[in-house]
N, C-alpha and C. Protein backbone atom coordinates (compact mmCIF):
# COMPACT_ATOMS: atom_id res chain seq x y z
N MET A 1 37.00 164.03 141.33
CA MET A 1 36.92 163.25 140.09
C MET A 1 37.71 163.93 138.97
N GLY A 2 37.60 165.28 138.91
CA GLY A 2 38.31 166.01 137.87
C GLY A 2 39.80 165.84 137.97
N ASP A 3 40.33 165.88 139.21
CA ASP A 3 41.78 165.69 139.40
C ASP A 3 42.21 164.30 138.97
N ALA A 4 41.38 163.29 139.26
CA ALA A 4 41.70 161.92 138.88
C ALA A 4 41.73 161.76 137.37
N VAL A 5 40.75 162.40 136.70
CA VAL A 5 40.71 162.34 135.23
C VAL A 5 41.93 163.03 134.63
N ASP A 6 42.30 164.19 135.22
CA ASP A 6 43.49 164.90 134.71
C ASP A 6 44.75 164.07 134.88
N LEU A 7 44.88 163.40 136.03
CA LEU A 7 46.04 162.54 136.26
C LEU A 7 46.06 161.38 135.28
N LEU A 8 44.88 160.77 135.06
CA LEU A 8 44.79 159.67 134.10
C LEU A 8 45.14 160.14 132.71
N HIS A 9 44.67 161.35 132.36
CA HIS A 9 44.96 161.90 131.03
C HIS A 9 46.46 162.13 130.85
N GLN A 10 47.11 162.68 131.88
CA GLN A 10 48.55 162.92 131.79
C GLN A 10 49.32 161.61 131.65
N THR A 11 48.85 160.57 132.36
CA THR A 11 49.52 159.28 132.30
C THR A 11 49.36 158.64 130.93
N VAL A 12 48.12 158.65 130.41
CA VAL A 12 47.83 157.98 129.15
C VAL A 12 48.45 158.70 127.96
N THR A 13 48.59 160.02 128.05
CA THR A 13 49.16 160.76 126.93
C THR A 13 50.68 160.84 126.99
N SER A 14 51.29 160.20 127.99
CA SER A 14 52.75 160.16 128.07
C SER A 14 53.31 159.25 126.98
N PRO A 15 54.51 159.58 126.46
CA PRO A 15 55.12 158.70 125.44
C PRO A 15 55.38 157.28 125.95
N TRP A 16 55.42 157.12 127.28
CA TRP A 16 55.67 155.80 127.86
C TRP A 16 54.44 154.91 127.84
N VAL A 17 53.31 155.46 127.46
CA VAL A 17 52.07 154.68 127.53
C VAL A 17 52.13 153.43 126.66
N TYR A 18 52.82 153.51 125.52
CA TYR A 18 52.89 152.34 124.63
C TYR A 18 53.64 151.19 125.30
N LEU A 19 54.71 151.53 126.02
CA LEU A 19 55.46 150.49 126.74
C LEU A 19 54.60 149.89 127.85
N VAL A 20 53.83 150.75 128.53
CA VAL A 20 52.94 150.26 129.59
C VAL A 20 51.91 149.30 129.00
N ILE A 21 51.34 149.65 127.85
CA ILE A 21 50.34 148.78 127.21
C ILE A 21 50.97 147.44 126.86
N ILE A 22 52.17 147.46 126.30
CA ILE A 22 52.85 146.21 125.93
C ILE A 22 53.07 145.33 127.16
N LEU A 23 53.59 145.93 128.24
CA LEU A 23 53.89 145.15 129.45
C LEU A 23 52.63 144.59 130.09
N VAL A 24 51.59 145.41 130.20
CA VAL A 24 50.37 144.97 130.87
C VAL A 24 49.66 143.88 130.06
N THR A 25 49.55 144.06 128.75
CA THR A 25 48.87 143.05 127.94
C THR A 25 49.69 141.76 127.85
N ALA A 26 51.01 141.88 127.93
CA ALA A 26 51.85 140.68 127.93
C ALA A 26 51.65 139.89 129.21
N VAL A 27 51.69 140.56 130.35
CA VAL A 27 51.51 139.88 131.64
C VAL A 27 50.10 139.30 131.74
N ASP A 28 49.12 140.04 131.23
CA ASP A 28 47.72 139.58 131.25
C ASP A 28 47.55 138.25 130.55
N ALA A 29 48.40 137.96 129.56
CA ALA A 29 48.26 136.72 128.79
C ALA A 29 48.55 135.48 129.62
N PHE A 30 49.43 135.59 130.63
CA PHE A 30 49.72 134.41 131.45
C PHE A 30 49.41 134.63 132.93
N PHE A 31 48.96 135.84 133.29
CA PHE A 31 48.51 136.14 134.65
C PHE A 31 47.25 137.00 134.51
N PRO A 32 46.09 136.35 134.31
CA PRO A 32 44.88 137.08 133.91
C PRO A 32 44.31 138.05 134.93
N ALA A 33 44.89 138.14 136.13
CA ALA A 33 44.43 139.13 137.09
C ALA A 33 44.79 140.55 136.66
N VAL A 34 45.73 140.68 135.73
CA VAL A 34 46.15 141.99 135.22
C VAL A 34 45.17 142.43 134.13
N PRO A 35 44.62 143.66 134.20
CA PRO A 35 43.55 144.09 133.29
C PRO A 35 44.06 144.58 131.94
N GLY A 36 44.44 143.68 131.06
CA GLY A 36 44.96 144.06 129.76
C GLY A 36 43.95 144.81 128.91
N GLU A 37 42.71 144.29 128.82
CA GLU A 37 41.68 144.96 128.03
C GLU A 37 41.42 146.37 128.51
N THR A 38 41.31 146.52 129.83
CA THR A 38 40.98 147.83 130.40
C THR A 38 42.03 148.88 130.05
N VAL A 39 43.29 148.50 130.13
CA VAL A 39 44.37 149.43 129.80
C VAL A 39 44.32 149.82 128.33
N ALA A 40 44.13 148.84 127.45
CA ALA A 40 44.08 149.13 126.02
C ALA A 40 42.86 149.98 125.67
N ILE A 41 41.71 149.66 126.26
CA ILE A 41 40.50 150.43 126.00
C ILE A 41 40.63 151.86 126.53
N THR A 42 41.22 152.00 127.71
CA THR A 42 41.43 153.34 128.28
C THR A 42 42.29 154.19 127.37
N ALA A 43 43.37 153.62 126.88
CA ALA A 43 44.24 154.35 125.96
C ALA A 43 43.49 154.72 124.69
N GLY A 44 42.62 153.80 124.21
CA GLY A 44 41.82 154.09 123.02
C GLY A 44 40.85 155.23 123.24
N VAL A 45 40.27 155.32 124.45
CA VAL A 45 39.35 156.41 124.77
C VAL A 45 40.06 157.75 124.64
N PHE A 46 41.24 157.87 125.22
CA PHE A 46 41.97 159.13 125.17
C PHE A 46 42.57 159.39 123.79
N ALA A 47 42.75 158.32 123.01
CA ALA A 47 43.26 158.50 121.64
C ALA A 47 42.28 159.29 120.79
N ALA A 48 41.01 159.26 121.17
CA ALA A 48 40.00 160.02 120.42
C ALA A 48 40.29 161.52 120.49
N GLY A 49 41.04 161.96 121.51
CA GLY A 49 41.41 163.36 121.63
C GLY A 49 42.73 163.69 120.95
N GLY A 50 43.36 162.71 120.32
CA GLY A 50 44.59 162.96 119.57
C GLY A 50 45.83 162.31 120.16
N GLU A 51 45.86 162.12 121.47
CA GLU A 51 47.00 161.49 122.14
C GLU A 51 46.49 160.49 123.16
N PRO A 52 47.03 159.27 123.17
CA PRO A 52 48.05 158.70 122.28
C PRO A 52 47.48 158.42 120.89
N ASN A 53 48.32 157.97 120.00
CA ASN A 53 47.89 157.63 118.65
C ASN A 53 47.17 156.29 118.66
N VAL A 54 45.98 156.25 118.06
CA VAL A 54 45.18 155.02 118.14
C VAL A 54 45.86 153.84 117.45
N ILE A 55 46.59 154.11 116.37
CA ILE A 55 47.32 153.02 115.69
C ILE A 55 48.41 152.49 116.61
N GLY A 56 49.08 153.38 117.32
CA GLY A 56 50.10 152.95 118.26
C GLY A 56 49.52 152.11 119.39
N VAL A 57 48.33 152.50 119.85
CA VAL A 57 47.65 151.73 120.90
C VAL A 57 47.34 150.32 120.41
N ILE A 58 46.81 150.22 119.20
CA ILE A 58 46.45 148.92 118.63
C ILE A 58 47.69 148.04 118.47
N VAL A 59 48.76 148.60 117.91
CA VAL A 59 49.98 147.83 117.69
C VAL A 59 50.59 147.39 119.02
N ALA A 60 50.62 148.30 120.00
CA ALA A 60 51.19 147.96 121.31
C ALA A 60 50.39 146.85 121.99
N ALA A 61 49.05 146.96 121.94
CA ALA A 61 48.20 145.94 122.57
C ALA A 61 48.39 144.59 121.89
N ALA A 62 48.41 144.58 120.56
CA ALA A 62 48.57 143.33 119.82
C ALA A 62 49.94 142.71 120.07
N PHE A 63 50.98 143.54 120.06
CA PHE A 63 52.34 143.02 120.27
C PHE A 63 52.50 142.46 121.69
N GLY A 64 51.98 143.18 122.68
CA GLY A 64 52.07 142.70 124.06
C GLY A 64 51.33 141.39 124.24
N ALA A 65 50.13 141.30 123.68
CA ALA A 65 49.35 140.07 123.78
C ALA A 65 50.07 138.91 123.10
N PHE A 66 50.66 139.18 121.94
CA PHE A 66 51.39 138.15 121.19
C PHE A 66 52.57 137.64 122.00
N ALA A 67 53.33 138.56 122.59
CA ALA A 67 54.49 138.15 123.40
C ALA A 67 54.04 137.36 124.62
N GLY A 68 52.98 137.83 125.29
CA GLY A 68 52.49 137.14 126.48
C GLY A 68 51.97 135.76 126.18
N ASP A 69 51.26 135.61 125.07
CA ASP A 69 50.75 134.29 124.68
C ASP A 69 51.89 133.30 124.47
N HIS A 70 52.99 133.79 123.91
CA HIS A 70 54.12 132.90 123.68
C HIS A 70 54.83 132.53 124.98
N ILE A 71 54.83 133.44 125.94
CA ILE A 71 55.37 133.10 127.26
C ILE A 71 54.51 132.01 127.89
N SER A 72 53.19 132.17 127.80
CA SER A 72 52.26 131.18 128.33
C SER A 72 52.45 129.83 127.64
N TYR A 73 52.58 129.85 126.32
CA TYR A 73 52.82 128.63 125.55
C TYR A 73 54.12 127.95 126.00
N ALA A 74 55.16 128.76 126.20
CA ALA A 74 56.46 128.20 126.63
C ALA A 74 56.36 127.60 128.02
N ILE A 75 55.60 128.24 128.92
CA ILE A 75 55.41 127.69 130.27
C ILE A 75 54.72 126.33 130.18
N GLY A 76 53.67 126.26 129.37
CA GLY A 76 52.96 125.00 129.20
C GLY A 76 53.84 123.94 128.57
N ARG A 77 54.61 124.33 127.59
CA ARG A 77 55.47 123.35 126.89
C ARG A 77 56.59 122.86 127.80
N GLY A 78 57.13 123.77 128.61
CA GLY A 78 58.25 123.38 129.46
C GLY A 78 57.85 122.55 130.66
N GLY A 79 56.78 122.99 131.36
CA GLY A 79 56.39 122.28 132.57
C GLY A 79 55.26 121.29 132.34
N GLY A 80 54.24 121.73 131.59
CA GLY A 80 53.07 120.87 131.41
C GLY A 80 53.36 119.63 130.61
N ALA A 81 54.21 119.73 129.60
CA ALA A 81 54.49 118.58 128.74
C ALA A 81 55.12 117.45 129.54
N HIS A 82 56.03 117.79 130.44
CA HIS A 82 56.69 116.75 131.24
C HIS A 82 55.71 116.09 132.20
N ARG A 83 54.83 116.90 132.80
CA ARG A 83 53.84 116.33 133.72
C ARG A 83 52.87 115.41 132.99
N LEU A 84 52.45 115.83 131.79
CA LEU A 84 51.52 114.99 131.03
C LEU A 84 52.17 113.67 130.63
N ALA A 85 53.45 113.73 130.30
CA ALA A 85 54.14 112.51 129.87
C ALA A 85 54.26 111.50 131.01
N ARG A 86 54.25 111.98 132.26
CA ARG A 86 54.39 111.07 133.39
C ARG A 86 53.06 110.52 133.90
N LEU A 87 51.95 110.98 133.34
CA LEU A 87 50.66 110.49 133.79
C LEU A 87 50.45 109.04 133.38
N PRO A 88 49.83 108.23 134.24
CA PRO A 88 49.54 106.83 133.87
C PRO A 88 48.68 106.77 132.61
N VAL A 89 48.97 105.78 131.77
CA VAL A 89 48.30 105.67 130.47
C VAL A 89 46.79 105.56 130.62
N ASP A 90 46.31 104.86 131.64
CA ASP A 90 44.88 104.62 131.79
C ASP A 90 44.21 105.59 132.77
N SER A 91 44.89 106.68 133.14
CA SER A 91 44.31 107.63 134.09
C SER A 91 43.35 108.60 133.39
N ARG A 92 42.45 109.18 134.17
CA ARG A 92 41.49 110.13 133.62
C ARG A 92 42.19 111.40 133.15
N ARG A 93 43.21 111.84 133.89
CA ARG A 93 43.93 113.05 133.48
C ARG A 93 44.68 112.82 132.17
N ARG A 94 45.22 111.61 131.99
CA ARG A 94 45.90 111.31 130.73
C ARG A 94 44.89 111.30 129.59
N ALA A 95 43.70 110.72 129.84
CA ALA A 95 42.65 110.71 128.83
C ALA A 95 42.21 112.13 128.49
N GLY A 96 42.12 112.97 129.54
CA GLY A 96 41.73 114.36 129.30
C GLY A 96 42.76 115.11 128.48
N SER A 97 44.04 114.86 128.76
CA SER A 97 45.09 115.52 128.00
C SER A 97 45.11 115.06 126.55
N GLU A 98 44.83 113.78 126.34
CA GLU A 98 44.77 113.28 124.97
C GLU A 98 43.60 113.88 124.22
N TRP A 99 42.47 114.06 124.94
CA TRP A 99 41.31 114.73 124.32
C TRP A 99 41.67 116.16 123.94
N ALA A 100 42.37 116.87 124.85
CA ALA A 100 42.76 118.25 124.57
C ALA A 100 43.69 118.30 123.36
N ARG A 101 44.60 117.34 123.28
CA ARG A 101 45.52 117.28 122.14
C ARG A 101 44.75 117.12 120.82
N ARG A 102 43.78 116.19 120.82
CA ARG A 102 42.99 115.98 119.60
C ARG A 102 42.16 117.22 119.25
N ALA A 103 41.62 117.89 120.29
CA ALA A 103 40.79 119.08 120.06
C ALA A 103 41.60 120.20 119.42
N VAL A 104 42.80 120.46 119.95
CA VAL A 104 43.60 121.55 119.38
C VAL A 104 44.18 121.16 118.03
N ASP A 105 44.39 119.86 117.80
CA ASP A 105 44.85 119.42 116.48
C ASP A 105 43.78 119.69 115.42
N ARG A 106 42.50 119.45 115.80
CA ARG A 106 41.42 119.62 114.83
C ARG A 106 40.97 121.07 114.71
N ARG A 107 40.86 121.77 115.85
CA ARG A 107 40.27 123.11 115.83
C ARG A 107 41.14 124.12 116.57
N GLY A 108 42.44 123.88 116.58
CA GLY A 108 43.34 124.74 117.35
C GLY A 108 43.25 126.20 116.99
N GLY A 109 43.18 126.51 115.70
CA GLY A 109 43.13 127.90 115.26
C GLY A 109 41.88 128.61 115.75
N ILE A 110 40.74 127.96 115.63
CA ILE A 110 39.47 128.56 116.06
C ILE A 110 39.46 128.73 117.58
N ILE A 111 39.92 127.70 118.28
CA ILE A 111 39.95 127.76 119.75
C ILE A 111 40.84 128.90 120.23
N LEU A 112 42.03 129.02 119.65
CA LEU A 112 42.97 130.05 120.07
C LEU A 112 42.43 131.44 119.75
N THR A 113 41.83 131.61 118.58
CA THR A 113 41.34 132.92 118.16
C THR A 113 40.18 133.38 119.04
N THR A 114 39.24 132.50 119.32
CA THR A 114 38.08 132.90 120.12
C THR A 114 38.46 133.06 121.60
N ALA A 115 39.37 132.23 122.09
CA ALA A 115 39.76 132.30 123.50
C ALA A 115 40.47 133.61 123.83
N ARG A 116 41.08 134.27 122.85
CA ARG A 116 41.76 135.54 123.08
C ARG A 116 40.82 136.59 123.65
N TYR A 117 39.50 136.44 123.38
CA TYR A 117 38.52 137.42 123.85
C TYR A 117 37.94 137.06 125.21
N VAL A 118 38.42 135.98 125.82
CA VAL A 118 37.90 135.53 127.12
C VAL A 118 39.02 135.59 128.15
N PRO A 119 39.01 136.60 129.05
CA PRO A 119 40.06 136.66 130.07
C PRO A 119 40.11 135.36 130.88
N GLY A 120 41.30 134.84 131.08
CA GLY A 120 41.44 133.56 131.77
C GLY A 120 41.36 132.40 130.81
N GLY A 121 40.40 132.44 129.91
CA GLY A 121 40.26 131.37 128.93
C GLY A 121 41.44 131.31 127.99
N ARG A 122 41.94 132.47 127.59
CA ARG A 122 43.08 132.49 126.67
C ARG A 122 44.32 131.91 127.36
N THR A 123 44.48 132.16 128.67
CA THR A 123 45.62 131.62 129.39
C THR A 123 45.55 130.09 129.42
N ALA A 124 44.37 129.57 129.73
CA ALA A 124 44.20 128.11 129.78
C ALA A 124 44.49 127.48 128.42
N VAL A 125 44.04 128.13 127.36
CA VAL A 125 44.23 127.57 126.01
C VAL A 125 45.70 127.59 125.61
N THR A 126 46.38 128.70 125.84
CA THR A 126 47.79 128.78 125.42
C THR A 126 48.66 127.84 126.27
N LEU A 127 48.36 127.72 127.56
CA LEU A 127 49.09 126.76 128.39
C LEU A 127 48.87 125.33 127.90
N THR A 128 47.62 125.00 127.58
CA THR A 128 47.29 123.66 127.10
C THR A 128 47.98 123.38 125.76
N MET A 129 47.97 124.38 124.87
CA MET A 129 48.62 124.18 123.57
C MET A 129 50.11 123.91 123.73
N GLY A 130 50.73 124.60 124.69
CA GLY A 130 52.14 124.32 124.96
C GLY A 130 52.33 122.93 125.54
N ALA A 131 51.45 122.56 126.49
CA ALA A 131 51.59 121.28 127.17
C ALA A 131 51.42 120.10 126.22
N VAL A 132 50.49 120.22 125.25
CA VAL A 132 50.26 119.11 124.32
C VAL A 132 51.15 119.24 123.07
N ARG A 133 52.06 120.23 123.11
CA ARG A 133 53.03 120.46 122.01
C ARG A 133 52.33 120.71 120.67
N TYR A 134 51.40 121.64 120.69
CA TYR A 134 50.79 122.10 119.44
C TYR A 134 51.90 122.71 118.60
N PRO A 135 51.94 122.43 117.29
CA PRO A 135 53.05 122.93 116.45
C PRO A 135 53.26 124.43 116.59
N LEU A 136 54.50 124.83 116.86
CA LEU A 136 54.81 126.24 117.11
C LEU A 136 54.50 127.10 115.89
N ARG A 137 54.79 126.59 114.69
CA ARG A 137 54.54 127.40 113.49
C ARG A 137 53.06 127.74 113.35
N SER A 138 52.20 126.76 113.59
CA SER A 138 50.75 127.01 113.52
C SER A 138 50.31 127.93 114.65
N PHE A 139 50.90 127.74 115.83
CA PHE A 139 50.55 128.60 116.96
C PHE A 139 50.90 130.06 116.65
N VAL A 140 52.07 130.30 116.10
CA VAL A 140 52.49 131.66 115.75
C VAL A 140 51.51 132.28 114.76
N MET A 141 51.14 131.53 113.74
CA MET A 141 50.26 132.06 112.70
C MET A 141 48.88 132.42 113.25
N TYR A 142 48.27 131.48 113.97
CA TYR A 142 46.93 131.72 114.51
C TYR A 142 46.95 132.77 115.62
N ASP A 143 48.01 132.78 116.42
CA ASP A 143 48.08 133.74 117.51
C ASP A 143 48.28 135.15 116.98
N ALA A 144 49.02 135.29 115.89
CA ALA A 144 49.18 136.61 115.27
C ALA A 144 47.81 137.14 114.81
N LEU A 145 47.00 136.26 114.21
CA LEU A 145 45.65 136.66 113.80
C LEU A 145 44.81 137.02 115.01
N ALA A 146 44.86 136.19 116.06
CA ALA A 146 44.06 136.42 117.26
C ALA A 146 44.45 137.74 117.93
N CYS A 147 45.74 137.95 118.11
CA CYS A 147 46.20 139.15 118.81
C CYS A 147 45.99 140.41 117.97
N GLY A 148 46.13 140.29 116.66
CA GLY A 148 45.89 141.44 115.78
C GLY A 148 44.45 141.89 115.85
N THR A 149 43.53 140.96 115.74
CA THR A 149 42.11 141.32 115.79
C THR A 149 41.72 141.81 117.18
N TRP A 150 42.31 141.21 118.22
CA TRP A 150 42.02 141.64 119.59
C TRP A 150 42.52 143.06 119.84
N GLY A 151 43.71 143.38 119.33
CA GLY A 151 44.25 144.74 119.47
C GLY A 151 43.36 145.76 118.78
N ILE A 152 42.90 145.43 117.57
CA ILE A 152 41.99 146.32 116.84
C ILE A 152 40.69 146.50 117.62
N TYR A 153 40.16 145.40 118.14
CA TYR A 153 38.91 145.43 118.90
C TYR A 153 39.04 146.34 120.12
N CYS A 154 40.07 146.16 120.92
CA CYS A 154 40.23 146.96 122.14
C CYS A 154 40.49 148.43 121.80
N GLY A 155 41.40 148.67 120.86
CA GLY A 155 41.74 150.04 120.51
C GLY A 155 40.56 150.81 119.96
N LEU A 156 39.86 150.22 119.00
CA LEU A 156 38.73 150.92 118.37
C LEU A 156 37.52 151.01 119.30
N LEU A 157 37.35 150.01 120.17
CA LEU A 157 36.26 150.07 121.13
C LEU A 157 36.43 151.30 122.03
N GLY A 158 37.65 151.50 122.52
CA GLY A 158 37.91 152.68 123.32
C GLY A 158 37.84 153.95 122.51
N TYR A 159 38.36 153.92 121.31
CA TYR A 159 38.40 155.11 120.46
C TYR A 159 37.00 155.63 120.13
N PHE A 160 36.13 154.73 119.73
CA PHE A 160 34.77 155.18 119.39
C PHE A 160 33.98 155.54 120.65
N GLY A 161 34.31 154.91 121.77
CA GLY A 161 33.71 155.33 123.03
C GLY A 161 34.14 156.74 123.38
N GLY A 162 35.42 157.05 123.13
CA GLY A 162 35.93 158.39 123.38
C GLY A 162 35.28 159.42 122.46
N LEU A 163 35.03 159.06 121.20
CA LEU A 163 34.36 159.97 120.28
C LEU A 163 32.92 160.22 120.69
N ALA A 164 32.25 159.16 121.15
CA ALA A 164 30.84 159.28 121.53
C ALA A 164 30.67 160.13 122.78
N PHE A 165 31.67 160.08 123.67
CA PHE A 165 31.60 160.85 124.91
C PHE A 165 32.81 161.79 124.98
N GLU A 166 32.91 162.62 123.97
CA GLU A 166 34.09 163.47 123.79
C GLU A 166 34.35 164.35 125.00
N HIS A 167 33.30 164.84 125.64
CA HIS A 167 33.46 165.78 126.76
C HIS A 167 33.40 165.08 128.12
N ASN A 168 33.28 163.77 128.09
CA ASN A 168 33.27 163.02 129.36
C ASN A 168 33.98 161.69 129.16
N PRO A 169 35.32 161.70 129.22
CA PRO A 169 36.09 160.47 128.95
C PRO A 169 35.78 159.33 129.91
N VAL A 170 35.34 159.66 131.13
CA VAL A 170 35.00 158.59 132.08
C VAL A 170 33.82 157.78 131.56
N GLN A 171 32.81 158.47 131.03
CA GLN A 171 31.67 157.76 130.46
C GLN A 171 32.09 156.94 129.24
N GLY A 172 33.00 157.49 128.44
CA GLY A 172 33.51 156.74 127.30
C GLY A 172 34.24 155.49 127.73
N LEU A 173 35.03 155.60 128.81
CA LEU A 173 35.75 154.44 129.34
C LEU A 173 34.77 153.40 129.87
N LEU A 174 33.76 153.84 130.63
CA LEU A 174 32.77 152.91 131.17
C LEU A 174 32.00 152.21 130.05
N ALA A 175 31.69 152.97 129.00
CA ALA A 175 30.97 152.37 127.87
C ALA A 175 31.83 151.32 127.19
N GLY A 176 33.10 151.64 126.96
CA GLY A 176 33.99 150.69 126.30
C GLY A 176 34.19 149.43 127.12
N VAL A 177 34.46 149.59 128.42
CA VAL A 177 34.65 148.42 129.28
C VAL A 177 33.36 147.62 129.39
N GLY A 178 32.22 148.32 129.46
CA GLY A 178 30.93 147.63 129.54
C GLY A 178 30.66 146.78 128.32
N ILE A 179 30.96 147.30 127.15
CA ILE A 179 30.77 146.51 125.92
C ILE A 179 31.72 145.32 125.91
N SER A 180 32.96 145.53 126.37
CA SER A 180 33.91 144.43 126.43
C SER A 180 33.41 143.31 127.35
N VAL A 181 32.88 143.69 128.51
CA VAL A 181 32.34 142.70 129.43
C VAL A 181 31.15 141.97 128.81
N ALA A 182 30.32 142.71 128.08
CA ALA A 182 29.15 142.10 127.43
C ALA A 182 29.59 141.09 126.37
N VAL A 183 30.61 141.44 125.59
CA VAL A 183 31.12 140.52 124.56
C VAL A 183 31.68 139.27 125.21
N THR A 184 32.45 139.45 126.30
CA THR A 184 32.98 138.29 127.02
C THR A 184 31.86 137.40 127.54
N GLY A 185 30.82 138.04 128.10
CA GLY A 185 29.67 137.27 128.58
C GLY A 185 28.97 136.52 127.47
N LEU A 186 28.91 137.14 126.29
CA LEU A 186 28.28 136.47 125.14
C LEU A 186 29.08 135.24 124.74
N PHE A 187 30.40 135.35 124.70
CA PHE A 187 31.24 134.20 124.38
C PHE A 187 31.02 133.08 125.39
N GLU A 188 30.97 133.44 126.67
CA GLU A 188 30.78 132.44 127.70
C GLU A 188 29.40 131.79 127.59
N ALA A 189 28.39 132.58 127.26
CA ALA A 189 27.03 132.03 127.11
C ALA A 189 26.97 131.05 125.95
N VAL A 190 27.63 131.38 124.85
CA VAL A 190 27.65 130.48 123.70
C VAL A 190 28.36 129.19 124.06
N ARG A 191 29.49 129.28 124.76
CA ARG A 191 30.22 128.08 125.17
C ARG A 191 29.37 127.22 126.09
N TRP A 192 28.68 127.85 127.04
CA TRP A 192 27.84 127.11 127.97
C TRP A 192 26.71 126.40 127.23
N ALA A 193 26.08 127.11 126.27
CA ALA A 193 24.99 126.51 125.50
C ALA A 193 25.47 125.33 124.68
N ARG A 194 26.68 125.45 124.11
CA ARG A 194 27.21 124.35 123.32
C ARG A 194 27.53 123.14 124.20
N ARG A 195 28.07 123.40 125.40
CA ARG A 195 28.34 122.28 126.31
C ARG A 195 27.04 121.58 126.71
N ARG A 196 26.00 122.35 126.99
CA ARG A 196 24.72 121.76 127.37
C ARG A 196 24.15 120.93 126.22
N ALA A 197 24.27 121.45 124.99
CA ALA A 197 23.75 120.72 123.83
C ALA A 197 24.49 119.41 123.63
N ARG A 198 25.83 119.43 123.80
CA ARG A 198 26.61 118.20 123.65
C ARG A 198 26.26 117.20 124.74
N ALA A 199 26.07 117.71 125.98
CA ALA A 199 25.71 116.81 127.08
C ALA A 199 24.36 116.15 126.83
N ARG A 200 23.38 116.92 126.34
CA ARG A 200 22.07 116.35 126.03
C ARG A 200 22.16 115.33 124.92
N ALA A 201 23.01 115.63 123.90
CA ALA A 201 23.17 114.71 122.78
C ALA A 201 23.77 113.38 123.25
N ARG A 202 24.78 113.45 124.16
CA ARG A 202 25.39 112.23 124.68
C ARG A 202 24.39 111.44 125.53
N ALA A 203 23.59 112.18 126.33
CA ALA A 203 22.59 111.49 127.16
C ALA A 203 21.54 110.79 126.31
N THR A 204 21.15 111.45 125.22
CA THR A 204 20.17 110.84 124.31
C THR A 204 20.75 109.62 123.61
N ALA A 205 22.05 109.68 123.24
CA ALA A 205 22.66 108.56 122.54
C ALA A 205 22.79 107.34 123.43
N ARG A 206 22.90 107.52 124.76
CA ARG A 206 23.04 106.38 125.64
C ARG A 206 21.71 105.63 125.87
N ARG A 207 20.60 106.31 125.60
CA ARG A 207 19.29 105.68 125.86
C ARG A 207 18.97 104.61 124.82
């Protein structure tokens, strides 16, 4: 275990770590199997010891996420928009796409900002926003806010975990990742509860 920690420490304290954070968080935005949060939190844990710099970790994570979200948006706009346009007017998929368009028009900023904290969910949202041609200027503005706060969240979560477990970085990493998973679960629980409440409300209205 000690050798593994030493190797991880050497890797994370390398000057190349910022580029690694940018690349991993960017890919994570449109390929959610890549652990963007874990990499950013890990770097934050070791930043508590002085290297890497926690501000650099936050900026790299936010920049990578921002770039990746725009790649996802472009994929949705390029491929999804054409597919949606070819759907039959009276089809269920066309109705669903129109509903998604109205939803992001009304609450696009809130949806994009909260989805950034849900792995997989952020990819679906950015792809959908591209497919329904959500205005790029608004997307840039809200995504900058979402990625900035997400970068701060990941960086500081790891950093304070590293401070709390100064002599055991593995425990600090586990604590940071555990809190991140708990926050993600909380977001999912709130979404599930809201869907259940809306379904009950619709069922009551039909009676």
